Structure formats: C-alpha cells, structure tokens
C-alpha atoms as a PDB file:
ATOM      1  CA  MET A   1      26.694   3.757  21.024  1.00  0.00           C
ATOM      2  CA  THR A   2      27.612   7.278  19.934  1.00  0.00           C
ATOM      3  CA  HIS A   3      24.530   9.335  19.311  1.00  0.00           C
ATOM      4  CA  SER A   4      24.325  11.234  16.155  1.00  0.00           C
ATOM      5  CA  SER A   5      21.947  14.290  15.583  1.00  0.00           C
ATOM      6  CA  LYS A   6      20.161  14.537  12.531  1.00  0.00           C
ATOM      7  CA  TRP A   7      19.190  17.858  13.148  1.00  0.00           C
ATOM      8  CA  LYS A   8      22.601  19.711  14.147  1.00  0.00           C
ATOM      9  CA  ASP A   9      23.411  20.663  10.658  1.00  0.00           C
ATOM     10  CA  LEU A  10      19.893  22.213   9.953  1.00  0.00           C
ATOM     11  CA  PRO A  11      20.210  26.149   9.222  1.00  0.00           C
ATOM     12  CA  THR A  12      16.816  26.307  11.499  1.00  0.00           C
ATOM     13  CA  GLU A  13      18.897  24.786  14.422  1.00  0.00           C
ATOM     14  CA  ALA A  14      22.135  26.778  13.910  1.00  0.00           C
ATOM     15  CA  ILE A  15      23.511  29.539  16.596  1.00  0.00           C
ATOM     16  CA  ASN A  16      23.212  32.990  15.597  1.00  0.00           C
ATOM     17  CA  PRO A  17      26.370  34.920  15.970  1.00  0.00           C
ATOM     18  CA  ASN A  18      24.451  38.205  16.227  1.00  0.00           C
ATOM     19  CA  SER A  19      22.473  37.192  19.467  1.00  0.00           C
ATOM     20  CA  LEU A  20      25.271  35.300  21.634  1.00  0.00           C
ATOM     21  CA  ALA A  21      24.965  37.673  24.388  1.00  0.00           C
ATOM     22  CA  LEU A  22      20.975  37.744  24.118  1.00  0.00           C
ATOM     23  CA  ASP A  23      20.375  36.932  27.787  1.00  0.00           C
ATOM     24  CA  HIS A  24      22.184  39.895  29.147  1.00  0.00           C
ATOM     25  CA  THR A  25      20.944  42.311  26.248  1.00  0.00           C
ATOM     26  CA  SER A  26      18.796  45.474  27.061  1.00  0.00           C
ATOM     27  CA  THR A  27      15.373  45.563  25.819  1.00  0.00           C
ATOM     28  CA  GLU A  28      16.068  48.204  23.280  1.00  0.00           C
ATOM     29  CA  GLU A  29      19.014  46.229  21.852  1.00  0.00           C
ATOM     30  CA  ILE A  30      17.009  43.005  21.558  1.00  0.00           C
ATOM     31  CA  VAL A  31      14.113  44.846  19.730  1.00  0.00           C
ATOM     32  CA  GLU A  32      16.741  46.431  17.277  1.00  0.00           C
ATOM     33  CA  LEU A  33      18.403  42.990  17.026  1.00  0.00           C
ATOM     34  CA  MET A  34      15.234  41.424  16.101  1.00  0.00           C
ATOM     35  CA  LEU A  35      14.025  44.067  13.549  1.00  0.00           C
ATOM     36  CA  GLY A  36      17.504  43.501  11.918  1.00  0.00           C
ATOM     37  CA  GLU A  37      17.060  39.842  11.677  1.00  0.00           C
ATOM     38  CA  ASP A  38      13.468  40.124  10.414  1.00  0.00           C
ATOM     39  CA  ARG A  39      14.647  42.456   7.503  1.00  0.00           C
ATOM     40  CA  LYS A  40      16.567  39.459   6.263  1.00  0.00           C
ATOM     41  CA  VAL A  41      13.339  37.427   5.949  1.00  0.00           C
ATOM     42  CA  VAL A  42      11.713  39.700   3.234  1.00  0.00           C
ATOM     43  CA  THR A  43      15.008  39.262   1.267  1.00  0.00           C
ATOM     44  CA  ALA A  44      14.911  35.372   1.790  1.00  0.00           C
ATOM     45  CA  VAL A  45      11.181  35.225   0.498  1.00  0.00           C
ATOM     46  CA  HIS A  46      11.938  37.561  -2.454  1.00  0.00           C
ATOM     47  CA  ARG A  47      14.546  34.979  -3.572  1.00  0.00           C
ATOM     48  CA  GLU A  48      11.771  32.568  -3.886  1.00  0.00           C
ATOM     49  CA  LYS A  49       9.388  34.817  -5.844  1.00  0.00           C
ATOM     50  CA  ALA A  50       9.277  32.698  -9.088  1.00  0.00           C
ATOM     51  CA  ARG A  51       8.504  29.432  -7.355  1.00  0.00           C
ATOM     52  CA  ILE A  52       5.869  31.093  -5.183  1.00  0.00           C
ATOM     53  CA  ALA A  53       4.202  32.515  -8.475  1.00  0.00           C
ATOM     54  CA  LEU A  54       4.367  28.870  -9.828  1.00  0.00           C
ATOM     55  CA  ALA A  55       2.734  27.638  -6.734  1.00  0.00           C
ATOM     56  CA  ALA A  56      -0.028  30.387  -6.674  1.00  0.00           C
ATOM     57  CA  ASP A  57      -0.920  29.374 -10.225  1.00  0.00           C
ATOM     58  CA  LEU A  58      -1.175  25.948  -9.184  1.00  0.00           C
ATOM     59  CA  LEU A  59      -3.609  26.847  -6.311  1.00  0.00           C
ATOM     60  CA  THR A  60      -5.594  29.016  -8.784  1.00  0.00           C
ATOM     61  CA  ALA A  61      -6.149  26.155 -11.200  1.00  0.00           C
ATOM     62  CA  ALA A  62      -7.248  23.784  -8.397  1.00  0.00           C
ATOM     63  CA  VAL A  63     -10.000  26.565  -7.251  1.00  0.00           C
ATOM     64  CA  ARG A  64     -11.063  26.996 -10.881  1.00  0.00           C
ATOM     65  CA  ASN A  65     -11.272  23.118 -11.411  1.00  0.00           C
ATOM     66  CA  GLY A  66     -13.217  22.411  -8.299  1.00  0.00           C
ATOM     67  CA  GLY A  67     -10.127  21.203  -6.395  1.00  0.00           C
ATOM     68  CA  ARG A  68      -9.182  21.696  -2.866  1.00  0.00           C
ATOM     69  CA  ILE A  69      -6.232  23.588  -1.096  1.00  0.00           C
ATOM     70  CA  ILE A  70      -4.918  21.546   1.868  1.00  0.00           C
ATOM     71  CA  PHE A  71      -2.236  22.644   4.435  1.00  0.00           C
ATOM     72  CA  VAL A  72      -0.436  19.995   6.595  1.00  0.00           C
ATOM     73  CA  GLY A  73       1.997  20.746   9.319  1.00  0.00           C
ATOM     74  CA  ALA A  74       2.989  20.549  12.858  1.00  0.00           C
ATOM     75  CA  GLY A  75       3.622  22.946  15.539  1.00  0.00           C
ATOM     76  CA  THR A  76       4.030  26.509  14.648  1.00  0.00           C
ATOM     77  CA  SER A  77       4.072  25.323  10.992  1.00  0.00           C
ATOM     78  CA  GLY A  78       0.722  23.598  11.445  1.00  0.00           C
ATOM     79  CA  ARG A  79      -0.803  26.555  13.076  1.00  0.00           C
ATOM     80  CA  LEU A  80       0.065  28.829  10.306  1.00  0.00           C
ATOM     81  CA  GLY A  81      -1.660  26.380   7.875  1.00  0.00           C
ATOM     82  CA  VAL A  82      -4.675  26.353  10.319  1.00  0.00           C
ATOM     83  CA  LEU A  83      -4.711  30.137  10.448  1.00  0.00           C
ATOM     84  CA  GLU A  84      -4.613  30.549   6.725  1.00  0.00           C
ATOM     85  CA  ALA A  85      -7.268  27.976   6.261  1.00  0.00           C
ATOM     86  CA  ALA A  86      -9.667  29.701   8.834  1.00  0.00           C
ATOM     87  CA  GLU A  87      -9.244  33.263   7.477  1.00  0.00           C
ATOM     88  CA  MET A  88     -10.433  32.122   3.686  1.00  0.00           C
ATOM     89  CA  ASN A  89     -14.320  31.825   4.610  1.00  0.00           C
ATOM     90  CA  PRO A  90     -14.612  35.190   6.363  1.00  0.00           C
ATOM     91  CA  THR A  91     -12.286  36.972   4.029  1.00  0.00           C
ATOM     92  CA  PHE A  92     -13.636  35.406   0.487  1.00  0.00           C
ATOM     93  CA  SER A  93     -16.781  33.555   1.477  1.00  0.00           C
ATOM     94  CA  THR A  94     -15.168  30.278   0.555  1.00  0.00           C
ATOM     95  CA  PRO A  95     -16.939  27.040   1.420  1.00  0.00           C
ATOM     96  CA  PRO A  96     -15.273  25.279   4.422  1.00  0.00           C
ATOM     97  CA  GLU A  97     -14.075  22.358   2.152  1.00  0.00           C
ATOM     98  CA  LEU A  98     -12.197  24.339  -0.334  1.00  0.00           C
ATOM     99  CA  VAL A  99      -9.307  25.359   2.075  1.00  0.00           C
ATOM    100  CA  GLN A 100      -8.545  22.968   4.705  1.00  0.00           C
ATOM    101  CA  ALA A 101      -5.551  22.306   7.208  1.00  0.00           C
ATOM    102  CA  ILE A 102      -4.254  19.204   8.836  1.00  0.00           C
ATOM    103  CA  MET A 103      -2.350  19.553  11.881  1.00  0.00           C
ATOM    104  CA  ALA A 104      -0.430  16.974  13.946  1.00  0.00           C
ATOM    105  CA  GLY A 105      -2.208  16.232  17.150  1.00  0.00           C
ATOM    106  CA  GLY A 106      -5.453  17.572  15.799  1.00  0.00           C
ATOM    107  CA  GLN A 107      -7.790  20.566  16.670  1.00  0.00           C
ATOM    108  CA  SER A 108      -6.539  20.479  20.254  1.00  0.00           C
ATOM    109  CA  ALA A 109      -2.839  20.936  19.222  1.00  0.00           C
ATOM    110  CA  PHE A 110      -3.428  24.249  17.854  1.00  0.00           C
ATOM    111  CA  PHE A 111      -3.855  25.725  21.477  1.00  0.00           C
ATOM    112  CA  HIS A 112      -2.067  23.138  23.470  1.00  0.00           C
ATOM    113  CA  ALA A 113       1.325  21.809  22.230  1.00  0.00           C
ATOM    114  CA  LYS A 114       1.605  18.231  21.970  1.00  0.00           C
ATOM    115  CA  GLU A 115       5.032  16.785  22.294  1.00  0.00           C
ATOM    116  CA  GLY A 116       5.909  13.745  19.861  1.00  0.00           C
ATOM    117  CA  VAL A 117       2.923  14.153  17.614  1.00  0.00           C
ATOM    118  CA  GLU A 118       5.201  15.458  14.684  1.00  0.00           C
ATOM    119  CA  ASP A 119       7.470  12.479  14.902  1.00  0.00           C
ATOM    120  CA  ASN A 120       4.657  10.245  13.774  1.00  0.00           C
ATOM    121  CA  TYR A 121       5.035   9.460   9.950  1.00  0.00           C
ATOM    122  CA  GLU A 122       1.904   6.986   9.912  1.00  0.00           C
ATOM    123  CA  GLU A 123      -0.299   9.421  11.352  1.00  0.00           C
ATOM    124  CA  GLY A 124       0.336  11.860   8.781  1.00  0.00           C
ATOM    125  CA  ALA A 125      -0.144   9.224   6.013  1.00  0.00           C
ATOM    126  CA  LYS A 126      -3.295   8.338   7.603  1.00  0.00           C
ATOM    127  CA  ALA A 127      -4.490  11.832   7.996  1.00  0.00           C
ATOM    128  CA  VAL A 128      -4.270  12.510   4.324  1.00  0.00           C
ATOM    129  CA  THR A 129      -5.783   9.144   3.348  1.00  0.00           C
ATOM    130  CA  ARG A 130      -9.124  10.217   5.154  1.00  0.00           C
ATOM    131  CA  LEU A 131      -9.214  13.239   2.924  1.00  0.00           C
ATOM    132  CA  ARG A 132      -9.759  11.150  -0.303  1.00  0.00           C
ATOM    133  CA  LEU A 133      -7.495  13.341  -2.316  1.00  0.00           C
ATOM    134  CA  THR A 134      -7.838  13.635  -6.128  1.00  0.00           C
ATOM    135  CA  ARG A 135      -5.696  14.958  -8.929  1.00  0.00           C
ATOM    136  CA  LYS A 136      -7.651  18.308  -8.796  1.00  0.00           C
ATOM    137  CA  ASP A 137      -6.426  19.103  -5.222  1.00  0.00           C
ATOM    138  CA  VAL A 138      -3.163  20.768  -4.052  1.00  0.00           C
ATOM    139  CA  LEU A 139      -1.560  19.656  -0.705  1.00  0.00           C
ATOM    140  CA  ILE A 140       0.880  22.293   0.870  1.00  0.00           C
ATOM    141  CA  GLY A 141       3.257  20.631   3.427  1.00  0.00           C
ATOM    142  CA  VAL A 142       4.761  23.090   5.870  1.00  0.00           C
ATOM    143  CA  SER A 143       7.824  22.194   7.867  1.00  0.00           C
ATOM    144  CA  ALA A 144      10.613  24.702   8.811  1.00  0.00           C
ATOM    145  CA  SER A 145      13.222  22.021   9.251  1.00  0.00           C
ATOM    146  CA  GLY A 146      11.757  20.055   6.163  1.00  0.00           C
ATOM    147  CA  MET A 147      12.392  16.947   8.505  1.00  0.00           C
ATOM    148  CA  THR A 148       8.852  16.836  10.215  1.00  0.00           C
ATOM    149  CA  GLN A 149       8.174  12.951   9.748  1.00  0.00           C
ATOM    150  CA  PHE A 150       4.228  14.034  10.141  1.00  0.00           C
ATOM    151  CA  VAL A 151       4.218  16.205   7.189  1.00  0.00           C
ATOM    152  CA  ARG A 152       6.814  13.670   5.299  1.00  0.00           C
ATOM    153  CA  GLY A 153       4.231  10.936   5.766  1.00  0.00           C
ATOM    154  CA  ALA A 154       1.396  13.082   4.543  1.00  0.00           C
ATOM    155  CA  LEU A 155       3.258  14.151   1.428  1.00  0.00           C
ATOM    156  CA  SER A 156       4.310  10.511   0.677  1.00  0.00           C
ATOM    157  CA  ARG A 157       0.791   9.258   1.008  1.00  0.00           C
ATOM    158  CA  ALA A 158      -0.355  12.251  -1.162  1.00  0.00           C
ATOM    159  CA  ARG A 159       1.806  11.381  -3.987  1.00  0.00           C
ATOM    160  CA  ARG A 160      -0.181   8.283  -4.475  1.00  0.00           C
ATOM    161  CA  SER A 161      -3.028  10.421  -5.533  1.00  0.00           C
ATOM    162  CA  GLU A 162      -1.445  12.195  -8.164  1.00  0.00           C
ATOM    163  CA  VAL A 163      -2.184  15.493  -6.234  1.00  0.00           C
ATOM    164  CA  LYS A 164       0.044  18.606  -6.838  1.00  0.00           C
ATOM    165  CA  ILE A 165       2.237  18.839  -4.008  1.00  0.00           C
ATOM    166  CA  ILE A 166       3.906  22.049  -2.602  1.00  0.00           C
ATOM    167  CA  SER A 167       6.529  22.208   0.151  1.00  0.00           C
ATOM    168  CA  ILE A 168       7.288  25.163   2.252  1.00  0.00           C
ATOM    169  CA  THR A 169      10.286  24.978   4.356  1.00  0.00           C
ATOM    170  CA  CYS A 170      13.317  27.090   5.361  1.00  0.00           C
ATOM    171  CA  TRP A 171      15.867  24.072   4.483  1.00  0.00           C
ATOM    172  CA  PRO A 172      16.782  24.460   0.851  1.00  0.00           C
ATOM    173  CA  GLY A 173      18.691  21.187   1.171  1.00  0.00           C
ATOM    174  CA  THR A 174      15.600  19.102   2.311  1.00  0.00           C
ATOM    175  CA  GLU A 175      15.080  15.608   0.785  1.00  0.00           C
ATOM    176  CA  LEU A 176      11.441  16.812   0.135  1.00  0.00           C
ATOM    177  CA  GLN A 177      12.480  18.344  -3.172  1.00  0.00           C
ATOM    178  CA  ALA A 178      12.621  14.687  -4.645  1.00  0.00           C
ATOM    179  CA  PHE A 179       8.915  14.224  -4.592  1.00  0.00           C
ATOM    180  CA  VAL A 180       7.205  17.354  -4.564  1.00  0.00           C
ATOM    181  CA  ASP A 181       6.136  19.540  -7.470  1.00  0.00           C
ATOM    182  CA  ILE A 182       7.382  22.804  -6.114  1.00  0.00           C
ATOM    183  CA  LEU A 183       9.795  23.570  -3.271  1.00  0.00           C
ATOM    184  CA  ILE A 184       9.496  27.004  -1.580  1.00  0.00           C
ATOM    185  CA  ALA A 185      12.713  27.393   0.652  1.00  0.00           C
ATOM    186  CA  PRO A 186      13.322  30.628   1.938  1.00  0.00           C
ATOM    187  CA  MET A 187      16.813  30.736   3.686  1.00  0.00           C
ATOM    188  CA  VAL A 188      16.242  32.968   6.640  1.00  0.00           C
ATOM    189  CA  GLY A 189      19.298  32.038   8.521  1.00  0.00           C
ATOM    190  CA  PRO A 190      19.589  30.890  12.387  1.00  0.00           C
ATOM    191  CA  GLU A 191      17.117  32.396  14.505  1.00  0.00           C
ATOM    192  CA  VAL A 192      17.825  34.867  17.448  1.00  0.00           C
ATOM    193  CA  ILE A 193      16.982  31.970  19.770  1.00  0.00           C
ATOM    194  CA  ALA A 194      18.896  28.834  18.281  1.00  0.00           C
ATOM    195  CA  GLY A 195      16.113  26.594  16.813  1.00  0.00           C
ATOM    196  CA  SER A 196      12.978  28.806  17.655  1.00  0.00           C
ATOM    197  CA  THR A 197      11.463  28.747  14.360  1.00  0.00           C
ATOM    198  CA  ARG A 198       8.332  30.492  15.230  1.00  0.00           C
ATOM    199  CA  LEU A 199      10.752  33.672  14.646  1.00  0.00           C
ATOM    200  CA  LYS A 200      11.998  34.217  11.285  1.00  0.00           C
ATOM    201  CA  ALA A 201      11.005  30.705   9.730  1.00  0.00           C
ATOM    202  CA  GLY A 202       7.463  31.583  11.009  1.00  0.00           C
ATOM    203  CA  THR A 203       7.409  35.061   9.757  1.00  0.00           C
ATOM    204  CA  ALA A 204       8.903  33.756   6.288  1.00  0.00           C
ATOM    205  CA  THR A 205       6.212  31.025   6.113  1.00  0.00           C
ATOM    206  CA  LYS A 206       3.251  33.512   6.877  1.00  0.00           C
ATOM    207  CA  LEU A 207       4.564  35.730   4.144  1.00  0.00           C
ATOM    208  CA  VAL A 208       4.530  32.803   1.587  1.00  0.00           C
ATOM    209  CA  LEU A 209       1.172  31.653   2.652  1.00  0.00           C
ATOM    210  CA  ASN A 210      -0.248  35.134   2.336  1.00  0.00           C
ATOM    211  CA  MET A 211       1.005  35.472  -1.124  1.00  0.00           C
ATOM    212  CA  LEU A 212      -0.227  32.001  -2.206  1.00  0.00           C
ATOM    213  CA  THR A 213      -3.878  32.325  -0.931  1.00  0.00           C
ATOM    214  CA  THR A 214      -4.280  35.901  -1.926  1.00  0.00           C
ATOM    215  CA  ILE A 215      -3.269  35.392  -5.489  1.00  0.00           C
ATOM    216  CA  ALA A 216      -5.319  32.506  -5.800  1.00  0.00           C
ATOM    217  CA  MET A 217      -8.448  34.184  -4.476  1.00  0.00           C
ATOM    218  CA  VAL A 218      -7.734  37.458  -6.678  1.00  0.00           C
ATOM    219  CA  HIS A 219      -7.389  35.391  -9.803  1.00  0.00           C
ATOM    220  CA  THR A 220     -10.841  33.476  -9.121  1.00  0.00           C
ATOM    221  CA  GLY A 221     -12.868  36.808  -8.885  1.00  0.00           C
ATOM    222  CA  LYS A 222     -12.656  37.387  -4.993  1.00  0.00           C
ATOM    223  CA  THR A 223     -11.795  41.154  -5.438  1.00  0.00           C
ATOM    224  CA  TYR A 224     -12.875  43.922  -7.703  1.00  0.00           C
ATOM    225  CA  GLY A 225      -9.690  46.047  -8.122  1.00  0.00           C
ATOM    226  CA  ASN A 226      -8.318  45.637  -4.461  1.00  0.00           C
ATOM    227  CA  LEU A 227     -11.787  45.708  -2.844  1.00  0.00           C
ATOM    228  CA  MET A 228     -12.779  42.688  -0.816  1.00  0.00           C
ATOM    229  CA  VAL A 229     -16.033  42.035  -2.414  1.00  0.00           C
ATOM    230  CA  ASP A 230     -16.804  38.563  -1.401  1.00  0.00           C
ATOM    231  CA  VAL A 231     -16.451  39.395   2.201  1.00  0.00           C
ATOM    232  CA  LYS A 232     -18.922  37.624   4.752  1.00  0.00           C
ATOM    233  CA  THR A 233     -21.322  40.265   6.127  1.00  0.00           C
ATOM    234  CA  GLY A 234     -22.034  38.379   9.557  1.00  0.00           C
ATOM    235  CA  SER A 235     -20.633  41.292  11.595  1.00  0.00           C
ATOM    236  CA  ASP A 236     -21.151  44.860  12.151  1.00  0.00           C
ATOM    237  CA  LYS A 237     -17.592  45.682  10.914  1.00  0.00           C
ATOM    238  CA  ALA A 238     -18.078  43.342   7.966  1.00  0.00           C
ATOM    239  CA  ARG A 239     -21.370  45.144   7.257  1.00  0.00           C
ATOM    240  CA  ASP A 240     -19.920  48.558   7.428  1.00  0.00           C
ATOM    241  CA  ARG A 241     -17.093  47.576   4.850  1.00  0.00           C
ATOM    242  CA  ALA A 242     -19.766  46.116   2.517  1.00  0.00           C
ATOM    243  CA  ARG A 243     -21.591  49.623   2.734  1.00  0.00           C
ATOM    244  CA  ARG A 244     -18.321  51.460   2.125  1.00  0.00           C
ATOM    245  CA  ILE A 245     -17.284  49.417  -0.764  1.00  0.00           C
ATOM    246  CA  ILE A 246     -20.849  50.047  -2.354  1.00  0.00           C
ATOM    247  CA  THR A 247     -20.486  53.786  -1.987  1.00  0.00           C
ATOM    248  CA  VAL A 248     -16.943  53.838  -3.385  1.00  0.00           C
ATOM    249  CA  VAL A 249     -17.929  51.687  -6.396  1.00  0.00           C
ATOM    250  CA  THR A 250     -21.434  53.067  -7.149  1.00  0.00           C
ATOM    251  CA  GLY A 251     -21.404  56.587  -5.720  1.00  0.00           C
ATOM    252  CA  LEU A 252     -24.327  55.877  -3.563  1.00  0.00           C
ATOM    253  CA  ASP A 253     -24.767  57.273  -0.251  1.00  0.00           C
ATOM    254  CA  ASP A 254     -24.592  55.141   3.029  1.00  0.00           C
ATOM    255  CA  ASP A 255     -28.463  54.889   3.248  1.00  0.00           C
ATOM    256  CA  ASP A 256     -29.021  53.837  -0.368  1.00  0.00           C
ATOM    257  CA  ALA A 257     -25.854  51.659  -0.125  1.00  0.00           C
ATOM    258  CA  GLY A 258     -27.577  49.565   2.690  1.00  0.00           C
ATOM    259  CA  ALA A 259     -30.826  49.366   0.903  1.00  0.00           C
ATOM    260  CA  LEU A 260     -29.260  48.097  -2.061  1.00  0.00           C
ATOM    261  CA  LEU A 261     -27.320  45.561  -0.022  1.00  0.00           C
ATOM    262  CA  GLN A 262     -30.697  44.430   1.759  1.00  0.00           C
ATOM    263  CA  ARG A 263     -31.905  43.804  -1.615  1.00  0.00           C
ATOM    264  CA  ALA A 264     -28.886  41.798  -2.691  1.00  0.00           C
ATOM    265  CA  ARG A 265     -29.182  39.689   0.252  1.00  0.00           C
ATOM    266  CA  TRP A 266     -25.846  41.469   1.511  1.00  0.00           C
ATOM    267  CA  ASN A 267     -23.869  39.901  -1.401  1.00  0.00           C
ATOM    268  CA  VAL A 268     -21.441  42.753  -2.224  1.00  0.00           C
ATOM    269  CA  LYS A 269     -20.755  41.753  -5.734  1.00  0.00           C
ATOM    270  CA  ALA A 270     -24.514  41.282  -6.583  1.00  0.00           C
ATOM    271  CA  ALA A 271     -25.311  44.448  -5.270  1.00  0.00           C
ATOM    272  CA  ILE A 272     -22.549  46.167  -7.445  1.00  0.00           C
ATOM    273  CA  VAL A 273     -23.909  44.304 -10.514  1.00  0.00           C
ATOM    274  CA  MET A 274     -27.352  45.156  -9.745  1.00  0.00           C
ATOM    275  CA  GLU A 275     -26.681  49.035  -9.568  1.00  0.00           C
ATOM    276  CA  LYS A 276     -24.300  48.962 -12.476  1.00  0.00           C
ATOM    277  CA  THR A 277     -26.685  46.945 -14.723  1.00  0.00           C
ATOM    278  CA  LYS A 278     -30.066  47.859 -13.313  1.00  0.00           C
ATOM    279  CA  ASP A 279     -30.529  44.015 -13.016  1.00  0.00           C
ATOM    280  CA  THR A 280     -32.558  41.914 -10.311  1.00  0.00           C
ATOM    281  CA  CYS A 281     -30.586  40.254  -7.680  1.00  0.00           C
ATOM    282  CA  SER A 282     -31.275  36.897  -9.403  1.00  0.00           C
ATOM    283  CA  GLY A 283     -29.960  38.534 -12.869  1.00  0.00           C
ATOM    284  CA  ALA A 284     -27.001  39.769 -11.079  1.00  0.00           C
ATOM    285  CA  LEU A 285     -25.928  36.318  -9.980  1.00  0.00           C
ATOM    286  CA  SER A 286     -26.496  34.706 -13.075  1.00  0.00           C
ATOM    287  CA  ARG A 287     -24.571  37.469 -14.904  1.00  0.00           C
ATOM    288  CA  LEU A 288     -21.658  36.720 -12.268  1.00  0.00           C
ATOM    289  CA  LYS A 289     -21.797  33.134 -13.018  1.00  0.00           C
ATOM    290  CA  LYS A 290     -21.456  33.658 -16.594  1.00  0.00           C
ATOM    291  CA  ALA A 291     -18.381  35.809 -15.895  1.00  0.00           C
ATOM    292  CA  GLY A 292     -16.505  33.384 -13.756  1.00  0.00           C
ATOM    293  CA  GLN A 293     -17.703  35.428 -10.548  1.00  0.00           C
ATOM    294  CA  SER A 294     -15.433  38.304 -11.956  1.00  0.00           C
ATOM    295  CA  VAL A 295     -17.386  41.653 -11.178  1.00  0.00           C
ATOM    296  CA  ARG A 296     -15.272  43.346 -13.651  1.00  0.00           C
ATOM    297  CA  THR A 297     -16.018  41.039 -16.515  1.00  0.00           C
ATOM    298  CA  ALA A 298     -19.935  41.091 -15.443  1.00  0.00           C
ATOM    299  CA  ILE A 299     -20.360  44.721 -15.596  1.00  0.00           C
ATOM    300  CA  GLY A 300     -17.476  45.639 -18.086  1.00  0.00           C
ATOM    301  CA  GLU A 301     -16.050  48.418 -16.095  1.00  0.00           C
ATOM    302  CA  ASP A 302     -12.794  49.010 -14.594  1.00  0.00           C
ATOM    303  CA  VAL A 303     -12.712  50.311 -10.941  1.00  0.00           C
ATOM    304  CA  GLU A 304      -9.082  51.740 -10.840  1.00  0.00           C
ATOM    305  CA  PRO A 305     -10.121  55.180 -11.801  1.00  0.00           C
ATOM    306  CA  THR A 306     -12.823  55.367  -9.173  1.00  0.00           C
ATOM    307  CA  LEU A 307     -10.406  53.953  -6.537  1.00  0.00           C
ATOM    308  CA  ARG A 308      -7.584  56.242  -7.201  1.00  0.00           C
ATOM    309  CA  ARG A 309      -9.869  59.423  -7.084  1.00  0.00           C
ATOM    310  CA  SER A 310     -11.081  57.892  -3.602  1.00  0.00           C
ATOM    311  CA  SER A 311      -7.753  57.361  -2.260  1.00  0.00           C
ATOM    312  CA  ARG A 312      -6.494  60.818  -3.250  1.00  0.00           C
ATOM    313  CA  ALA A 313      -9.638  62.159  -1.442  1.00  0.00           C
ATOM    314  CA  ARG A 314      -8.440  60.785   1.865  1.00  0.00           C
END
C-alpha cells in the first residue's frame, strides 16, 4: 500500500529556496537570512489586519459580558497560548479564570515535549468539555498547520456550545474555516528549516496574539493612555512602575506617590482617581465601577498632553 502524506503540500512544510545551503552557511549569513525571512512575517500579519480587528472586538465583548478567553493548541502553538494566558494576570490584574489555555499533553508538556498528544482528536474534545463553555466565551484555536487533531477536536466540540471561535493558523486553505467564526491566517511562507514552525509561524502567531489580547484589555479599561494602570504590584519592579505612573499622571513626587499608593492599597487606578477627585479609596473604586473601570471616564481628564510632555522631557 502506497503511503500518501497529508502534510506534504502544507506551506509550513515546504522547502525554502533561500536556505538550501543552510548547513554550510556562515553565522553572519544565517543571521542575515533569518532577518530577511522574519521581515516577511510583519507583511503577512498586516494582510490579516481586518480579521484581527474583528477578532479583537469579539474578545472585548467577551470580557465586557463576563465571558472567558480560552486558547487551545499543541507544541509551539500551545505554548504560545499558555504564555499569553499567563501574562494577563500580572500585566492587567485579570482573574485567573478570565484568560485560560489548554495545551495538548497538559501543563508538563509546556516544558517537555510529548510526542503524539497533538494527534488525539478526542482528548481535545474532552478538554473543552471540561470547561463548560457558554455563548459568552471565545475559544481561540492555535495551529500553525491547521491540521492539529487535538485542536480540531476542541473546536468541533466547542461549536456545540455556541461559543465564538477564532482560528489562528499559517495555512489559509485549512478546512477549519468551515466551522470557525473568524480565521486569521498569515501566509508566512516556508521556514528557514523546513517544517520548523517555531520560527516564522511562531513569530506571526505571537504578533497576532499580542494584538488580540492587548486590544481587548485596552478597550476594557486596563490602561490610561498607554500606561499600565491595572498592573499587579507584587514585585519591586512593579511597585516602582506604579510610583512612576502616579508621578507622571498626578505630578506628585516619589515619596508622596508611594504614600498615595499605600492609601489606595497599591491599586494604581484607585490612586489616580483619589488624587484627581480628592475622594477616598472606596469612593474612587465606586467611581471606577460606574465608569466601567475607565480612569479617563472616572476623572473626566485626558492624559495625552501630560504623557506628551513627559516623553519630550526624556
């Protein structure tokens, strides 16, 4: 019986004509080669900007309506989803359940590759079933090839829950487009090492994920201007950032900014509202709640002129 590969025609498995002599190419030439290939990534992602915007709006609506954002993937794609989910809490103080990630092979597969787990369609379906999805949630399937059975199983089962589904892949021809709401498919071309999707495909995926989550967080009040005002302040670096944000926005010196943050229980948004409105911490939190957690709305003040003056002073 003749074997027929179902992967051989995928763009992610193609042989790159620019790197045929890779194994006897100098270090400097490989660096130049990889930089040249990576420049193609931004162009490929740029072509998907309309679909990225639509997907970001889906995520924003989910967050506003009490839904969850869930990434599902395997291998490099799965790890990128896990990374994105893990970064949301320290950066934006989101509750752990708001942004989650499912990875084929479980948590241990993040550090140690488990061969074959990506081929299990049923395990993907079971993993999604355990989440008890609702129509408020958004599921994001990440698969560079668009062929990963674990991801396909997850997306197929998720469709029964009427959840919104986004697929991120580097194969525009994937059959996934038939049952997802939005397909984002940057065509990055063949990798420097044929089939190594941790390279351009991984970079493209990370760019897309950065945009999706960042836009959703910005649109739900997690920044004031471009300041990270919902940052968790559990480390010295984060507390220093919090003080600097307060000094820039309010004009207080470092010591007074620290004292204000102490009164605000290290809630940066509350501290800004307290200083601008002369309200108590509880009053500031109430104002923020009424303003949909937007500092701009809570105090009725634009921060752009202040930030522009600060940036010019550097």
